[in-house]
Amino acid sequence: MLNLTELMDIGCAHTVVDSDGWMYPCGKPIVAIRRWPEGDGESFGGVCQRHAKQAGAELVPLENVPQ
């Protein structure tokens, strides 16, 4: 797993799709770390205020993440 500084540098990891159908990470400043259970196993990434509000998201607020 990336450390907190690396997660903050990357920004929000939530995938968004533009009008041309291209997928890319949101990239906004993160407010929490989210557990992403899909794929080949668990992974973690930062999420912005907007994407942290999604129903069912398993979040850890940044103040609870060890440096």
N, C-alpha and C. Protein backbone atom coordinates (compact mmCIF):
# COMPACT_ATOMS: atom_id res chain seq x y z
N MET A 1 0.84 -1.17 0.00
CA MET A 1 0.00 0.00 0.00
C MET A 1 0.89 1.24 0.00
N LEU A 2 0.44 2.26 -0.71
CA LEU A 2 1.15 3.52 -0.73
C LEU A 2 1.06 4.19 0.63
N ASN A 3 2.06 5.01 0.96
CA ASN A 3 1.96 5.74 2.22
C ASN A 3 1.06 6.97 2.04
N LEU A 4 0.76 7.65 3.13
CA LEU A 4 -0.19 8.76 3.09
C LEU A 4 0.28 9.88 2.17
N THR A 5 1.56 10.20 2.19
CA THR A 5 2.09 11.26 1.32
C THR A 5 1.88 10.92 -0.14
N GLU A 6 2.15 9.67 -0.52
CA GLU A 6 1.95 9.25 -1.91
C GLU A 6 0.48 9.30 -2.30
N LEU A 7 -0.41 8.87 -1.41
CA LEU A 7 -1.84 8.93 -1.70
C LEU A 7 -2.30 10.37 -1.89
N MET A 8 -1.78 11.28 -1.08
CA MET A 8 -2.16 12.69 -1.19
C MET A 8 -1.64 13.29 -2.50
N ASP A 9 -0.45 12.88 -2.92
CA ASP A 9 0.11 13.37 -4.18
C ASP A 9 -0.71 12.92 -5.38
N ILE A 10 -1.24 11.71 -5.33
CA ILE A 10 -2.04 11.16 -6.43
C ILE A 10 -3.40 11.84 -6.49
N GLY A 11 -3.98 12.12 -5.33
CA GLY A 11 -5.32 12.70 -5.29
C GLY A 11 -6.39 11.62 -5.33
N CYS A 12 -7.63 12.03 -5.53
CA CYS A 12 -8.77 11.12 -5.51
C CYS A 12 -8.61 10.04 -6.58
N ALA A 13 -8.72 8.78 -6.15
CA ALA A 13 -8.54 7.65 -7.05
C ALA A 13 -9.82 7.18 -7.72
N HIS A 14 -10.95 7.79 -7.37
CA HIS A 14 -12.22 7.38 -7.96
C HIS A 14 -12.18 7.61 -9.47
N THR A 15 -12.59 6.62 -10.24
CA THR A 15 -12.56 6.72 -11.70
C THR A 15 -13.77 7.48 -12.21
N VAL A 16 -13.51 8.44 -13.08
CA VAL A 16 -14.58 9.20 -13.72
C VAL A 16 -14.45 9.02 -15.23
N VAL A 17 -15.54 9.25 -15.94
CA VAL A 17 -15.56 9.10 -17.40
C VAL A 17 -15.94 10.43 -18.01
N ASP A 18 -15.14 10.90 -18.99
CA ASP A 18 -15.46 12.17 -19.63
C ASP A 18 -16.46 11.97 -20.77
N SER A 19 -16.82 13.04 -21.44
CA SER A 19 -17.85 12.97 -22.49
C SER A 19 -17.43 12.14 -23.69
N ASP A 20 -16.12 11.91 -23.86
CA ASP A 20 -15.63 11.08 -24.96
C ASP A 20 -15.49 9.61 -24.57
N GLY A 21 -15.84 9.29 -23.33
CA GLY A 21 -15.77 7.90 -22.86
C GLY A 21 -14.43 7.51 -22.27
N TRP A 22 -13.50 8.45 -22.11
CA TRP A 22 -12.20 8.16 -21.52
C TRP A 22 -12.32 8.10 -20.00
N MET A 23 -11.70 7.08 -19.41
CA MET A 23 -11.71 6.93 -17.95
C MET A 23 -10.41 7.48 -17.38
N TYR A 24 -10.50 8.20 -16.28
CA TYR A 24 -9.33 8.73 -15.61
C TYR A 24 -9.65 8.96 -14.14
N PRO A 25 -8.61 9.05 -13.27
CA PRO A 25 -8.88 9.30 -11.86
C PRO A 25 -9.35 10.73 -11.65
N CYS A 26 -10.20 10.93 -10.67
CA CYS A 26 -10.73 12.25 -10.34
C CYS A 26 -9.60 13.23 -10.05
N GLY A 27 -8.67 12.87 -9.15
CA GLY A 27 -7.50 13.68 -8.87
C GLY A 27 -7.68 14.83 -7.90
N LYS A 28 -8.89 15.07 -7.40
CA LYS A 28 -9.11 16.17 -6.44
C LYS A 28 -8.45 15.84 -5.11
N PRO A 29 -8.22 16.84 -4.25
CA PRO A 29 -7.60 16.60 -2.94
C PRO A 29 -8.40 15.58 -2.12
N ILE A 30 -7.69 14.70 -1.42
CA ILE A 30 -8.36 13.63 -0.68
C ILE A 30 -8.72 14.06 0.74
N VAL A 31 -9.81 13.48 1.25
CA VAL A 31 -10.26 13.72 2.62
C VAL A 31 -10.33 12.42 3.42
N ALA A 32 -10.23 11.28 2.74
CA ALA A 32 -10.32 9.98 3.41
C ALA A 32 -9.66 8.92 2.54
N ILE A 33 -9.38 7.77 3.15
CA ILE A 33 -8.87 6.61 2.44
C ILE A 33 -10.02 5.63 2.30
N ARG A 34 -10.21 5.11 1.10
CA ARG A 34 -11.32 4.19 0.84
C ARG A 34 -10.78 2.80 0.51
N ARG A 35 -11.49 1.79 1.00
CA ARG A 35 -11.19 0.40 0.67
C ARG A 35 -11.96 0.06 -0.59
N TRP A 36 -11.25 -0.44 -1.62
CA TRP A 36 -11.87 -0.83 -2.89
C TRP A 36 -11.83 -2.35 -2.96
N PRO A 37 -12.95 -3.06 -2.73
CA PRO A 37 -12.95 -4.52 -2.68
C PRO A 37 -12.97 -5.21 -4.04
N GLU A 38 -13.17 -4.50 -5.13
CA GLU A 38 -13.30 -5.13 -6.43
C GLU A 38 -11.94 -5.59 -6.97
N GLY A 39 -11.98 -6.36 -8.05
CA GLY A 39 -10.75 -6.75 -8.74
C GLY A 39 -10.13 -8.00 -8.16
N ASP A 40 -8.79 -8.06 -8.21
CA ASP A 40 -8.05 -9.23 -7.78
C ASP A 40 -7.84 -9.30 -6.27
N GLY A 41 -8.35 -8.36 -5.56
CA GLY A 41 -8.20 -8.32 -4.11
C GLY A 41 -8.45 -6.92 -3.61
N GLU A 42 -8.25 -6.74 -2.33
CA GLU A 42 -8.49 -5.42 -1.75
C GLU A 42 -7.40 -4.45 -2.17
N SER A 43 -7.80 -3.21 -2.33
CA SER A 43 -6.83 -2.14 -2.52
C SER A 43 -7.38 -0.91 -1.82
N PHE A 44 -6.53 0.08 -1.65
CA PHE A 44 -6.90 1.29 -0.95
C PHE A 44 -6.49 2.49 -1.78
N GLY A 45 -7.26 3.55 -1.68
CA GLY A 45 -6.93 4.77 -2.40
C GLY A 45 -7.62 5.95 -1.76
N GLY A 46 -7.12 7.13 -2.05
CA GLY A 46 -7.71 8.34 -1.50
C GLY A 46 -8.96 8.74 -2.26
N VAL A 47 -9.89 9.38 -1.56
CA VAL A 47 -11.10 9.90 -2.20
C VAL A 47 -11.34 11.34 -1.74
N CYS A 48 -11.91 12.14 -2.65
CA CYS A 48 -12.24 13.53 -2.35
C CYS A 48 -13.56 13.59 -1.58
N GLN A 49 -13.93 14.80 -1.19
CA GLN A 49 -15.16 15.01 -0.41
C GLN A 49 -16.37 14.45 -1.15
N ARG A 50 -16.48 14.72 -2.44
CA ARG A 50 -17.64 14.27 -3.23
C ARG A 50 -17.73 12.75 -3.28
N HIS A 51 -16.62 12.08 -3.59
CA HIS A 51 -16.65 10.63 -3.75
C HIS A 51 -16.66 9.89 -2.41
N ALA A 52 -16.31 10.57 -1.32
CA ALA A 52 -16.40 9.96 0.01
C ALA A 52 -17.85 9.82 0.46
N LYS A 53 -18.75 10.55 -0.16
CA LYS A 53 -20.17 10.53 0.23
C LYS A 53 -20.96 9.40 -0.42
N GLN A 54 -20.34 8.58 -1.27
CA GLN A 54 -21.06 7.51 -1.93
C GLN A 54 -21.54 6.47 -0.93
N ALA A 55 -22.73 5.98 -1.15
CA ALA A 55 -23.32 4.98 -0.26
C ALA A 55 -22.47 3.71 -0.25
N GLY A 56 -22.27 3.15 0.93
CA GLY A 56 -21.57 1.89 1.06
C GLY A 56 -20.05 1.99 1.06
N ALA A 57 -19.50 3.19 0.94
CA ALA A 57 -18.04 3.34 0.92
C ALA A 57 -17.47 3.06 2.30
N GLU A 58 -16.41 2.24 2.35
CA GLU A 58 -15.72 1.95 3.60
C GLU A 58 -14.55 2.92 3.69
N LEU A 59 -14.65 3.90 4.61
CA LEU A 59 -13.69 4.99 4.68
C LEU A 59 -12.91 5.03 5.98
N VAL A 60 -11.69 5.55 5.89
CA VAL A 60 -10.88 5.88 7.05
C VAL A 60 -10.52 7.36 6.90
N PRO A 61 -11.01 8.24 7.79
CA PRO A 61 -10.66 9.66 7.70
C PRO A 61 -9.15 9.86 7.80
N LEU A 62 -8.63 10.88 7.12
CA LEU A 62 -7.18 11.12 7.10
C LEU A 62 -6.60 11.29 8.49
N GLU A 63 -7.34 11.90 9.42
CA GLU A 63 -6.79 12.09 10.76
C GLU A 63 -6.58 10.77 11.49
N ASN A 64 -7.18 9.68 11.01
CA ASN A 64 -7.00 8.36 11.63
C ASN A 64 -5.94 7.51 10.93
N VAL A 65 -5.29 8.07 9.91
CA VAL A 65 -4.27 7.33 9.16
C VAL A 65 -2.90 7.69 9.73
N PRO A 66 -2.11 6.69 10.15
CA PRO A 66 -0.77 7.00 10.67
C PRO A 66 0.12 7.56 9.58
N GLN A 67 0.98 8.49 9.96
CA GLN A 67 1.91 9.09 9.02
C GLN A 67 2.91 8.05 8.66
